[in-house]
C-alpha cells in the first residue's frame, strides 16, 4: 500500500450528549477533544446529540425527546441566526 494516502483509523469515543452515554469504536473522524476512559487510556472524543441509545426509533419510545423550541434554538445556534 502507498504511504500517507490513508486516513488515520483509530479507536474513538463517541459521547451521546442527550443521555451522557459513551461508547468506543474505531473511526477516521478528526477531532481535537480527548477523554480519559476508565481503563486509563486517552481517546479522541466526538460529541453527538443522538445515537441508537437515545433515538426513539431504536429505544421504542413514543415520546418526542426534542421539543420544537429546542430544535429552533439548536438551528439558530448552528447557523448563527
Protein backbone atom coordinates (compact mmCIF):
# COMPACT_ATOMS: atom_id res chain seq x y z
CA UNK A 1 0.00 0.00 0.00
CA UNK A 2 1.08 3.55 -0.63
CA UNK A 3 2.13 5.62 2.37
CA UNK A 4 0.34 8.79 3.54
CA UNK A 5 -2.83 8.31 1.47
CA UNK A 6 -4.98 6.52 4.07
CA UNK A 7 -6.89 8.30 6.85
CA UNK A 8 -5.93 7.77 10.49
CA UNK A 9 -8.10 4.81 11.57
CA UNK A 10 -8.09 4.55 15.36
CA UNK A 11 -10.22 3.95 18.46
CA UNK A 12 -12.53 6.90 19.20
CA UNK A 13 -15.05 7.56 21.99
CA UNK A 14 -18.47 8.86 20.97
CA UNK A 15 -20.43 10.71 23.67
CA UNK A 16 -24.21 10.92 23.29
CA UNK A 17 -24.81 14.28 24.99
CA UNK A 18 -28.58 13.80 25.33
CA UNK A 19 -28.21 10.86 27.76
CA UNK A 20 -24.50 11.18 28.65
CA UNK A 21 -23.61 7.69 27.39
CA UNK A 22 -20.17 6.87 25.97
CA UNK A 23 -19.17 4.12 23.58
CA UNK A 24 -15.87 3.24 21.96
CA UNK A 25 -15.46 2.25 18.33
CA UNK A 26 -12.94 2.68 15.54
CA UNK A 27 -13.25 5.64 13.19
CA UNK A 28 -11.36 8.04 10.94
CA UNK A 29 -13.22 11.11 12.23
CA UNK A 30 -10.92 14.05 13.05
CA UNK A 31 -11.41 15.70 16.45
CA UNK A 32 -9.44 17.90 18.83
CA UNK A 33 -11.22 16.82 22.05
CA UNK A 34 -9.94 13.93 24.16
CA UNK A 35 -11.25 11.93 27.10
CA UNK A 36 -9.64 9.61 29.65
CA UNK A 37 -11.71 6.43 29.96
CA UNK A 38 -11.99 4.05 32.91
CA UNK A 39 -9.18 1.90 31.54
CA UNK A 40 -6.78 4.85 31.96
CA UNK A 41 -6.22 5.39 28.24
CA UNK A 42 -6.79 8.72 26.48
CA UNK A 43 -9.01 8.59 23.40
CA UNK A 44 -10.21 11.19 20.88
CA UNK A 45 -13.75 12.36 21.77
CA UNK A 46 -16.64 13.03 19.39
CA UNK A 47 -19.79 14.61 20.86
CA UNK A 48 -23.09 13.68 19.21
CA UNK A 49 -26.66 14.66 20.07
CA UNK A 50 -28.44 11.45 19.08
CA UNK A 51 -27.27 7.86 18.88
CA UNK A 52 -29.00 4.50 18.75
CA UNK A 53 -29.06 4.57 22.56
CA UNK A 54 -31.25 7.70 22.67
CA UNK A 55 -33.14 7.74 19.35
CA UNK A 56 -36.86 6.90 19.75
CA UNK A 57 -36.81 4.53 16.77
CA UNK A 58 -34.24 2.28 18.46
CA UNK A 59 -35.43 2.69 22.05
CA UNK A 60 -39.11 2.12 21.25
CA UNK A 61 -40.09 5.34 23.00
CA UNK A 62 -43.22 7.02 21.67
CA UNK A 63 -42.44 10.37 23.28
CA UNK A 64 -40.74 13.14 21.35
CA UNK A 65 -37.39 13.72 23.05
CA UNK A 66 -36.73 17.02 21.36
CA UNK A 67 -39.21 19.86 21.69
CA UNK A 68 -39.85 22.39 18.95
CA UNK A 69 -38.23 25.16 21.00
CA UNK A 70 -35.08 23.07 21.38
CA UNK A 71 -34.91 22.40 17.65
CA UNK A 72 -35.30 26.08 16.77
CA UNK A 73 -32.68 27.08 19.33
CA UNK A 74 -30.27 24.42 18.04
CA UNK A 75 -30.85 25.57 14.44
CA UNK A 76 -30.18 29.22 15.34
CA UNK A 77 -27.08 28.26 17.31
CA UNK A 78 -25.74 26.08 14.49
CA UNK A 79 -26.38 28.52 11.64
CA UNK A 80 -25.80 31.75 13.58
CA UNK A 81 -29.22 33.35 13.11
